[in-house]
Amino acid sequence: MVDVSGKQETAREAVARAIVRMKPATLRVVRRGNAPKGDVLGVARTAGILAAKRTPQLIPLCHPLRITGVDVAFDDDLRRGELTIEARVKTVDKTGVEMEALTAVSVAALTVYDMVKAVERGVTIARIQLVEKSGGKSGTWKRSVSVSGHPRRKPASRPPRQR
């Protein structure tokens, strides 16, 4: 584990994103909130928040941090059958929260998969990536394009409409 005892505490923030791909019909079920297991987005949001808080127990050598905020948001593209998950994690500490943000979107995406697998087995999780980070000695960093080469798309701050 890296010794951070000599570092200054600063405000730090990290944003990670993941894409969950499914058939448009499956995404409609998610939007409506009537999947066999219940409210997919509500449960996935809670799972992502809990995962961020548990990161040091899951990832060896991660420092336990005093997380001051976690937000998990969703956006969707029905035509493409894509659900975008974005996690924003904040702290005032001696090291960053990139791993917490990445863990949050990963577990939220896995939760979506688990909750819709009875509707569709072909769901895939793609493009889990750090989108931006700020704070600390290295300052601010932002990804200009996604891993796939597509321009960044910012998810809505609210969940998709539930019909």
N, C-alpha and C. Protein backbone atom coordinates (compact mmCIF):
# COMPACT_ATOMS: atom_id res chain seq x y z
N MET A 1 0.86 -1.17 0.00
CA MET A 1 0.00 0.00 0.00
C MET A 1 0.90 1.23 0.00
N VAL A 2 0.58 2.18 -0.85
CA VAL A 2 1.39 3.39 -0.97
C VAL A 2 1.22 4.24 0.29
N ASP A 3 2.32 4.77 0.81
CA ASP A 3 2.27 5.62 2.00
C ASP A 3 1.86 7.03 1.59
N VAL A 4 0.69 7.46 2.04
CA VAL A 4 0.19 8.79 1.71
C VAL A 4 0.22 9.72 2.92
N SER A 5 0.90 9.31 3.98
CA SER A 5 0.88 10.10 5.22
C SER A 5 1.46 11.50 5.05
N GLY A 6 2.35 11.71 4.10
CA GLY A 6 2.93 13.02 3.88
C GLY A 6 2.15 13.91 2.93
N LYS A 7 1.09 13.39 2.35
CA LYS A 7 0.29 14.17 1.39
C LYS A 7 -0.72 15.06 2.10
N GLN A 8 -1.09 16.15 1.44
CA GLN A 8 -2.10 17.07 1.96
C GLN A 8 -3.49 16.54 1.65
N GLU A 9 -4.40 16.79 2.55
CA GLU A 9 -5.81 16.50 2.27
C GLU A 9 -6.34 17.59 1.35
N THR A 10 -6.97 17.18 0.26
CA THR A 10 -7.59 18.12 -0.66
C THR A 10 -8.94 17.57 -1.10
N ALA A 11 -9.77 18.47 -1.62
CA ALA A 11 -11.04 18.03 -2.19
C ALA A 11 -10.73 17.26 -3.47
N ARG A 12 -11.30 16.09 -3.60
CA ARG A 12 -11.06 15.22 -4.75
C ARG A 12 -12.38 14.70 -5.27
N GLU A 13 -12.43 14.49 -6.58
CA GLU A 13 -13.65 14.00 -7.21
C GLU A 13 -13.27 13.15 -8.40
N ALA A 14 -14.04 12.11 -8.65
CA ALA A 14 -13.83 11.27 -9.83
C ALA A 14 -15.18 10.88 -10.41
N VAL A 15 -15.19 10.77 -11.75
CA VAL A 15 -16.40 10.38 -12.47
C VAL A 15 -16.04 9.19 -13.36
N ALA A 16 -16.83 8.14 -13.28
CA ALA A 16 -16.65 6.96 -14.12
C ALA A 16 -17.96 6.67 -14.83
N ARG A 17 -17.84 5.95 -15.93
CA ARG A 17 -19.01 5.67 -16.75
C ARG A 17 -18.95 4.24 -17.26
N ALA A 18 -20.12 3.64 -17.45
CA ALA A 18 -20.24 2.30 -18.05
C ALA A 18 -21.46 2.31 -18.95
N ILE A 19 -21.44 1.43 -19.94
CA ILE A 19 -22.56 1.27 -20.86
C ILE A 19 -23.07 -0.16 -20.71
N VAL A 20 -24.38 -0.30 -20.56
CA VAL A 20 -25.01 -1.62 -20.55
C VAL A 20 -25.87 -1.69 -21.81
N ARG A 21 -25.57 -2.69 -22.66
CA ARG A 21 -26.28 -2.84 -23.94
C ARG A 21 -27.29 -3.98 -23.83
N MET A 22 -28.48 -3.71 -24.38
CA MET A 22 -29.56 -4.70 -24.35
C MET A 22 -30.50 -4.39 -25.50
N LYS A 23 -31.45 -5.27 -25.72
CA LYS A 23 -32.46 -5.02 -26.75
C LYS A 23 -33.32 -3.83 -26.33
N PRO A 24 -33.79 -3.04 -27.29
CA PRO A 24 -34.68 -1.93 -26.94
C PRO A 24 -35.90 -2.37 -26.12
N ALA A 25 -36.43 -3.55 -26.39
CA ALA A 25 -37.58 -4.04 -25.62
C ALA A 25 -37.22 -4.24 -24.15
N THR A 26 -35.99 -4.72 -23.90
CA THR A 26 -35.53 -4.90 -22.52
C THR A 26 -35.36 -3.55 -21.85
N LEU A 27 -34.81 -2.60 -22.58
CA LEU A 27 -34.64 -1.26 -22.02
C LEU A 27 -36.00 -0.62 -21.69
N ARG A 28 -37.01 -0.92 -22.47
CA ARG A 28 -38.35 -0.43 -22.16
C ARG A 28 -38.83 -0.98 -20.81
N VAL A 29 -38.54 -2.25 -20.56
CA VAL A 29 -38.91 -2.87 -19.27
C VAL A 29 -38.19 -2.13 -18.13
N VAL A 30 -36.91 -1.82 -18.34
CA VAL A 30 -36.13 -1.09 -17.32
C VAL A 30 -36.75 0.29 -17.10
N ARG A 31 -37.04 0.99 -18.19
CA ARG A 31 -37.66 2.33 -18.08
C ARG A 31 -38.96 2.30 -17.30
N ARG A 32 -39.79 1.31 -17.56
CA ARG A 32 -41.11 1.21 -16.92
C ARG A 32 -41.01 0.81 -15.45
N GLY A 33 -39.88 0.22 -15.07
CA GLY A 33 -39.72 -0.22 -13.69
C GLY A 33 -40.46 -1.49 -13.36
N ASN A 34 -40.77 -2.28 -14.42
CA ASN A 34 -41.55 -3.50 -14.15
C ASN A 34 -40.80 -4.77 -14.53
N ALA A 35 -39.50 -4.81 -14.28
CA ALA A 35 -38.73 -6.04 -14.47
C ALA A 35 -39.18 -7.06 -13.42
N PRO A 36 -39.00 -8.35 -13.69
CA PRO A 36 -39.43 -9.36 -12.72
C PRO A 36 -38.86 -9.15 -11.31
N LYS A 37 -37.64 -8.62 -11.23
CA LYS A 37 -37.03 -8.40 -9.91
C LYS A 37 -37.34 -7.02 -9.34
N GLY A 38 -38.06 -6.17 -10.08
CA GLY A 38 -38.44 -4.87 -9.53
C GLY A 38 -37.79 -3.69 -10.23
N ASP A 39 -37.59 -2.62 -9.47
CA ASP A 39 -37.06 -1.35 -9.96
C ASP A 39 -35.56 -1.45 -10.22
N VAL A 40 -35.21 -1.72 -11.46
CA VAL A 40 -33.80 -1.94 -11.83
C VAL A 40 -32.94 -0.73 -11.49
N LEU A 41 -33.37 0.45 -11.88
CA LEU A 41 -32.53 1.63 -11.69
C LEU A 41 -32.38 2.01 -10.22
N GLY A 42 -33.43 1.87 -9.44
CA GLY A 42 -33.35 2.18 -8.02
C GLY A 42 -32.40 1.23 -7.29
N VAL A 43 -32.52 -0.05 -7.60
CA VAL A 43 -31.65 -1.04 -6.96
C VAL A 43 -30.20 -0.86 -7.44
N ALA A 44 -30.00 -0.61 -8.74
CA ALA A 44 -28.64 -0.42 -9.27
C ALA A 44 -27.99 0.82 -8.67
N ARG A 45 -28.76 1.89 -8.47
CA ARG A 45 -28.22 3.11 -7.85
C ARG A 45 -27.73 2.79 -6.43
N THR A 46 -28.56 2.11 -5.66
CA THR A 46 -28.18 1.75 -4.29
C THR A 46 -26.95 0.84 -4.28
N ALA A 47 -26.92 -0.14 -5.18
CA ALA A 47 -25.77 -1.06 -5.26
C ALA A 47 -24.49 -0.30 -5.58
N GLY A 48 -24.56 0.66 -6.51
CA GLY A 48 -23.39 1.45 -6.86
C GLY A 48 -22.87 2.27 -5.69
N ILE A 49 -23.77 2.88 -4.96
CA ILE A 49 -23.37 3.68 -3.78
C ILE A 49 -22.72 2.79 -2.74
N LEU A 50 -23.34 1.66 -2.45
CA LEU A 50 -22.76 0.73 -1.47
C LEU A 50 -21.40 0.21 -1.93
N ALA A 51 -21.25 -0.06 -3.22
CA ALA A 51 -19.97 -0.55 -3.75
C ALA A 51 -18.87 0.48 -3.58
N ALA A 52 -19.17 1.75 -3.85
CA ALA A 52 -18.16 2.80 -3.67
C ALA A 52 -17.65 2.80 -2.24
N LYS A 53 -18.55 2.64 -1.29
CA LYS A 53 -18.18 2.65 0.13
C LYS A 53 -17.37 1.41 0.53
N ARG A 54 -17.50 0.33 -0.24
CA ARG A 54 -16.81 -0.92 0.09
C ARG A 54 -15.54 -1.17 -0.74
N THR A 55 -15.14 -0.22 -1.55
CA THR A 55 -14.01 -0.42 -2.46
C THR A 55 -12.76 -0.96 -1.77
N PRO A 56 -12.33 -0.42 -0.61
CA PRO A 56 -11.10 -0.95 0.00
C PRO A 56 -11.21 -2.41 0.44
N GLN A 57 -12.43 -2.90 0.61
CA GLN A 57 -12.61 -4.31 0.97
C GLN A 57 -12.59 -5.21 -0.26
N LEU A 58 -12.78 -4.61 -1.45
CA LEU A 58 -12.84 -5.38 -2.69
C LEU A 58 -11.55 -5.33 -3.50
N ILE A 59 -10.88 -4.20 -3.49
CA ILE A 59 -9.68 -3.98 -4.31
C ILE A 59 -8.47 -3.95 -3.39
N PRO A 60 -7.57 -4.93 -3.51
CA PRO A 60 -6.40 -4.95 -2.64
C PRO A 60 -5.59 -3.66 -2.77
N LEU A 61 -5.07 -3.18 -1.66
CA LEU A 61 -4.18 -2.02 -1.56
C LEU A 61 -4.87 -0.67 -1.76
N CYS A 62 -6.20 -0.64 -1.86
CA CYS A 62 -6.92 0.64 -1.91
C CYS A 62 -7.03 1.19 -0.49
N HIS A 63 -6.79 2.48 -0.36
CA HIS A 63 -6.92 3.13 0.95
C HIS A 63 -8.40 3.30 1.32
N PRO A 64 -8.74 3.08 2.58
CA PRO A 64 -10.09 3.43 3.02
C PRO A 64 -10.18 4.96 3.08
N LEU A 65 -11.20 5.51 2.45
CA LEU A 65 -11.34 6.97 2.36
C LEU A 65 -12.61 7.42 3.03
N ARG A 66 -12.62 8.69 3.41
CA ARG A 66 -13.83 9.31 3.96
C ARG A 66 -14.62 9.89 2.79
N ILE A 67 -15.47 9.08 2.22
CA ILE A 67 -16.27 9.52 1.08
C ILE A 67 -17.31 10.52 1.58
N THR A 68 -17.37 11.67 0.89
CA THR A 68 -18.32 12.70 1.30
C THR A 68 -19.55 12.74 0.40
N GLY A 69 -19.50 12.06 -0.74
CA GLY A 69 -20.66 12.03 -1.62
C GLY A 69 -20.51 11.02 -2.73
N VAL A 70 -21.61 10.36 -3.06
CA VAL A 70 -21.66 9.44 -4.20
C VAL A 70 -22.98 9.68 -4.91
N ASP A 71 -22.92 9.86 -6.23
CA ASP A 71 -24.13 9.99 -7.03
C ASP A 71 -24.03 9.01 -8.19
N VAL A 72 -25.07 8.25 -8.41
CA VAL A 72 -25.13 7.33 -9.53
C VAL A 72 -26.33 7.76 -10.38
N ALA A 73 -26.06 8.10 -11.66
CA ALA A 73 -27.11 8.59 -12.56
C ALA A 73 -27.19 7.71 -13.79
N PHE A 74 -28.35 7.75 -14.45
CA PHE A 74 -28.60 6.92 -15.62
C PHE A 74 -29.12 7.77 -16.77
N ASP A 75 -28.79 7.35 -17.98
CA ASP A 75 -29.36 7.92 -19.19
C ASP A 75 -29.51 6.75 -20.16
N ASP A 76 -30.41 6.87 -21.12
CA ASP A 76 -30.54 5.76 -22.05
C ASP A 76 -30.74 6.24 -23.47
N ASP A 77 -30.43 5.35 -24.38
CA ASP A 77 -30.65 5.56 -25.82
C ASP A 77 -31.46 4.35 -26.26
N LEU A 78 -32.77 4.52 -26.35
CA LEU A 78 -33.66 3.40 -26.65
C LEU A 78 -33.38 2.81 -28.02
N ARG A 79 -33.11 3.66 -29.00
CA ARG A 79 -32.85 3.18 -30.37
C ARG A 79 -31.64 2.24 -30.39
N ARG A 80 -30.60 2.58 -29.68
CA ARG A 80 -29.38 1.76 -29.64
C ARG A 80 -29.43 0.67 -28.58
N GLY A 81 -30.41 0.74 -27.67
CA GLY A 81 -30.49 -0.24 -26.59
C GLY A 81 -29.35 -0.08 -25.59
N GLU A 82 -29.00 1.17 -25.29
CA GLU A 82 -27.88 1.43 -24.38
C GLU A 82 -28.34 2.20 -23.15
N LEU A 83 -27.94 1.69 -22.00
CA LEU A 83 -28.15 2.37 -20.73
C LEU A 83 -26.77 2.85 -20.27
N THR A 84 -26.63 4.15 -20.09
CA THR A 84 -25.37 4.72 -19.62
C THR A 84 -25.48 4.94 -18.12
N ILE A 85 -24.46 4.49 -17.40
CA ILE A 85 -24.40 4.66 -15.95
C ILE A 85 -23.21 5.55 -15.65
N GLU A 86 -23.42 6.57 -14.83
CA GLU A 86 -22.33 7.45 -14.44
C GLU A 86 -22.30 7.56 -12.92
N ALA A 87 -21.11 7.40 -12.35
CA ALA A 87 -20.93 7.54 -10.90
C ALA A 87 -19.97 8.70 -10.64
N ARG A 88 -20.34 9.56 -9.72
CA ARG A 88 -19.52 10.69 -9.29
C ARG A 88 -19.26 10.50 -7.80
N VAL A 89 -17.98 10.45 -7.41
CA VAL A 89 -17.61 10.22 -6.02
C VAL A 89 -16.74 11.38 -5.55
N LYS A 90 -17.00 11.85 -4.32
CA LYS A 90 -16.26 12.98 -3.75
C LYS A 90 -15.68 12.61 -2.39
N THR A 91 -14.55 13.26 -2.08
CA THR A 91 -13.94 13.11 -0.77
C THR A 91 -13.08 14.34 -0.48
N VAL A 92 -12.70 14.51 0.76
CA VAL A 92 -11.62 15.41 1.14
C VAL A 92 -10.64 14.50 1.86
N ASP A 93 -9.55 14.15 1.16
CA ASP A 93 -8.64 13.15 1.71
C ASP A 93 -7.27 13.28 1.05
N LYS A 94 -6.39 12.31 1.33
CA LYS A 94 -5.01 12.34 0.85
C LYS A 94 -4.79 11.60 -0.46
N THR A 95 -5.79 10.90 -0.94
CA THR A 95 -5.68 10.18 -2.20
C THR A 95 -7.04 10.20 -2.91
N GLY A 96 -7.02 9.91 -4.20
CA GLY A 96 -8.21 10.09 -5.02
C GLY A 96 -9.24 8.98 -4.91
N VAL A 97 -10.38 9.22 -5.56
CA VAL A 97 -11.52 8.32 -5.49
C VAL A 97 -11.83 7.69 -6.85
N GLU A 98 -10.81 7.57 -7.70
CA GLU A 98 -11.04 6.95 -9.02
C GLU A 98 -11.52 5.52 -8.88
N MET A 99 -10.90 4.74 -8.01
CA MET A 99 -11.30 3.34 -7.86
C MET A 99 -12.71 3.21 -7.30
N GLU A 100 -13.10 4.13 -6.44
CA GLU A 100 -14.45 4.11 -5.89
C GLU A 100 -15.49 4.39 -6.99
N ALA A 101 -15.19 5.35 -7.88
CA ALA A 101 -16.11 5.66 -8.97
C ALA A 101 -16.21 4.49 -9.95
N LEU A 102 -15.06 3.88 -10.28
CA LEU A 102 -15.05 2.74 -11.18
C LEU A 102 -15.77 1.53 -10.57
N THR A 103 -15.59 1.32 -9.29
CA THR A 103 -16.27 0.22 -8.60
C THR A 103 -17.77 0.47 -8.58
N ALA A 104 -18.17 1.70 -8.34
CA ALA A 104 -19.61 2.04 -8.29
C ALA A 104 -20.29 1.74 -9.63
N VAL A 105 -19.69 2.19 -10.76
CA VAL A 105 -20.36 1.93 -12.05
C VAL A 105 -20.31 0.45 -12.41
N SER A 106 -19.24 -0.23 -12.03
CA SER A 106 -19.13 -1.66 -12.33
C SER A 106 -20.22 -2.46 -11.61
N VAL A 107 -20.39 -2.20 -10.33
CA VAL A 107 -21.39 -2.94 -9.56
C VAL A 107 -22.80 -2.52 -9.96
N ALA A 108 -23.01 -1.26 -10.27
CA ALA A 108 -24.33 -0.83 -10.76
C ALA A 108 -24.66 -1.55 -12.06
N ALA A 109 -23.67 -1.66 -12.97
CA ALA A 109 -23.89 -2.36 -14.24
C ALA A 109 -24.15 -3.85 -14.02
N LEU A 110 -23.42 -4.46 -13.11
CA LEU A 110 -23.66 -5.87 -12.79
C LEU A 110 -25.05 -6.07 -12.20
N THR A 111 -25.50 -5.12 -11.43
CA THR A 111 -26.83 -5.20 -10.83
C THR A 111 -27.91 -5.10 -11.91
N VAL A 112 -27.72 -4.20 -12.87
CA VAL A 112 -28.66 -4.11 -13.99
C VAL A 112 -28.72 -5.46 -14.70
N TYR A 113 -27.54 -6.02 -15.00
CA TYR A 113 -27.49 -7.33 -15.66
C TYR A 113 -28.28 -8.36 -14.87
N ASP A 114 -28.00 -8.45 -13.58
CA ASP A 114 -28.67 -9.45 -12.74
C ASP A 114 -30.18 -9.27 -12.75
N MET A 115 -30.63 -8.04 -12.75
CA MET A 115 -32.07 -7.79 -12.65
C MET A 115 -32.81 -7.96 -13.97
N VAL A 116 -32.09 -7.96 -15.11
CA VAL A 116 -32.78 -8.12 -16.40
C VAL A 116 -32.46 -9.44 -17.09
N LYS A 117 -31.61 -10.27 -16.50
CA LYS A 117 -31.24 -11.52 -17.17
C LYS A 117 -32.42 -12.45 -17.40
N ALA A 118 -33.47 -12.32 -16.61
CA ALA A 118 -34.66 -13.13 -16.83
C ALA A 118 -35.44 -12.65 -18.06
N VAL A 119 -35.23 -11.40 -18.45
CA VAL A 119 -35.89 -10.83 -19.62
C VAL A 119 -35.04 -11.08 -20.87
N GLU A 120 -33.71 -10.95 -20.71
CA GLU A 120 -32.78 -11.12 -21.84
C GLU A 120 -31.43 -11.61 -21.35
N ARG A 121 -30.95 -12.69 -21.95
CA ARG A 121 -29.64 -13.23 -21.58
C ARG A 121 -28.49 -12.56 -22.31
N GLY A 122 -28.76 -11.85 -23.39
CA GLY A 122 -27.70 -11.29 -24.22
C GLY A 122 -27.21 -9.91 -23.81
N VAL A 123 -27.54 -9.46 -22.62
CA VAL A 123 -27.09 -8.15 -22.15
C VAL A 123 -25.57 -8.14 -22.01
N THR A 124 -24.95 -7.02 -22.40
CA THR A 124 -23.50 -6.89 -22.25
C THR A 124 -23.17 -5.61 -21.50
N ILE A 125 -22.04 -5.65 -20.82
CA ILE A 125 -21.50 -4.48 -20.11
C ILE A 125 -20.26 -4.05 -20.87
N ALA A 126 -20.17 -2.76 -21.20
CA ALA A 126 -19.07 -2.28 -22.04
C ALA A 126 -18.55 -0.94 -21.54
N ARG A 127 -17.37 -0.61 -21.99
CA ARG A 127 -16.75 0.71 -21.82
C ARG A 127 -16.78 1.24 -20.40
N ILE A 128 -16.38 0.43 -19.45
CA ILE A 128 -16.20 0.94 -18.09
C ILE A 128 -14.92 1.77 -18.12
N GLN A 129 -15.05 3.05 -17.76
CA GLN A 129 -13.89 3.93 -17.88
C GLN A 129 -13.98 5.12 -16.94
N LEU A 130 -12.81 5.61 -16.56
CA LEU A 130 -12.74 6.87 -15.83
C LEU A 130 -12.95 7.99 -16.83
N VAL A 131 -13.82 8.94 -16.50
CA VAL A 131 -14.15 10.03 -17.41
C VAL A 131 -13.42 11.30 -16.99
N GLU A 132 -13.33 11.54 -15.69
CA GLU A 132 -12.60 12.71 -15.20
C GLU A 132 -12.25 12.53 -13.75
N LYS A 133 -11.24 13.30 -13.32
CA LYS A 133 -10.85 13.32 -11.91
C LYS A 133 -10.28 14.69 -11.62
N SER A 134 -10.40 15.10 -10.36
CA SER A 134 -9.84 16.38 -9.96
C SER A 134 -9.34 16.29 -8.53
N GLY A 135 -8.44 17.20 -8.21
CA GLY A 135 -7.88 17.28 -6.86
C GLY A 135 -6.51 16.64 -6.78
N GLY A 136 -5.85 16.94 -5.69
CA GLY A 136 -4.52 16.38 -5.46
C GLY A 136 -3.45 17.07 -6.29
N LYS A 137 -2.24 16.52 -6.19
CA LYS A 137 -1.08 17.11 -6.86
C LYS A 137 -1.21 17.09 -8.38
N SER A 138 -1.84 16.07 -8.94
CA SER A 138 -1.93 15.97 -10.40
C SER A 138 -3.06 16.82 -10.99
N GLY A 139 -3.90 17.42 -10.15
CA GLY A 139 -4.92 18.35 -10.64
C GLY A 139 -6.07 17.68 -11.36
N THR A 140 -6.53 18.34 -12.42
CA THR A 140 -7.72 17.89 -13.14
C THR A 140 -7.34 17.15 -14.42
N TRP A 141 -8.04 16.06 -14.68
CA TRP A 141 -7.87 15.30 -15.91
C TRP A 141 -9.25 14.97 -16.44
N LYS A 142 -9.44 15.13 -17.76
CA LYS A 142 -10.71 14.77 -18.40
C LYS A 142 -10.43 13.97 -19.66
N ARG A 143 -11.21 12.91 -19.87
CA ARG A 143 -11.12 12.11 -21.09
C ARG A 143 -11.79 12.90 -22.20
N SER A 144 -11.12 13.05 -23.34
CA SER A 144 -11.70 13.82 -24.43
C SER A 144 -12.64 12.97 -25.28
N VAL A 145 -12.36 11.68 -25.40
CA VAL A 145 -13.25 10.76 -26.10
C VAL A 145 -13.30 9.47 -25.29
N SER A 146 -14.33 8.70 -25.50
CA SER A 146 -14.46 7.43 -24.80
C SER A 146 -13.46 6.43 -25.37
N VAL A 147 -13.31 5.32 -24.70
CA VAL A 147 -12.40 4.26 -25.13
C VAL A 147 -12.71 3.81 -26.56
N SER A 148 -13.98 3.80 -26.92
CA SER A 148 -14.37 3.34 -28.25
C SER A 148 -14.14 4.38 -29.33
N GLY A 149 -13.78 5.61 -28.93
CA GLY A 149 -13.57 6.67 -29.90
C GLY A 149 -14.78 7.55 -30.11
N HIS A 150 -15.92 7.23 -29.47
CA HIS A 150 -17.10 8.07 -29.59
C HIS A 150 -16.93 9.30 -28.70
N PRO A 151 -17.46 10.45 -29.11
CA PRO A 151 -17.41 11.63 -28.23
C PRO A 151 -18.09 11.34 -26.91
N ARG A 152 -17.63 12.01 -25.86
CA ARG A 152 -18.24 11.83 -24.54
C ARG A 152 -19.67 12.31 -24.57
N ARG A 153 -20.51 11.57 -23.86
CA ARG A 153 -21.91 11.93 -23.72
C ARG A 153 -22.22 11.96 -22.24
N LYS A 154 -22.70 13.08 -21.76
CA LYS A 154 -22.98 13.19 -20.34
C LYS A 154 -24.39 12.70 -20.04
N PRO A 155 -24.53 11.73 -19.12
CA PRO A 155 -25.87 11.25 -18.78
C PRO A 155 -26.69 12.33 -18.09
N ALA A 156 -27.98 12.19 -18.19
CA ALA A 156 -28.88 13.09 -17.48
C ALA A 156 -28.70 12.89 -15.99
N SER A 157 -28.98 13.92 -15.22
CA SER A 157 -28.83 13.82 -13.77
C SER A 157 -30.01 13.11 -13.13
N ARG A 158 -30.99 12.79 -13.91
CA ARG A 158 -32.16 12.09 -13.40
C ARG A 158 -32.30 10.75 -14.11
N PRO A 159 -33.00 9.81 -13.49
CA PRO A 159 -33.21 8.52 -14.17
C PRO A 159 -34.12 8.70 -15.37
N PRO A 160 -34.06 7.77 -16.33
CA PRO A 160 -34.97 7.84 -17.48
C PRO A 160 -36.42 7.81 -17.01
N ARG A 161 -37.29 8.32 -17.85
CA ARG A 161 -38.72 8.32 -17.53
C ARG A 161 -39.19 6.91 -17.25
N GLN A 162 -40.06 6.82 -16.29
CA GLN A 162 -40.69 5.53 -16.00
C GLN A 162 -42.13 5.66 -16.45
N ARG A 163 -42.53 4.79 -17.36
CA ARG A 163 -43.89 4.87 -17.93
C ARG A 163 -44.79 3.85 -17.32
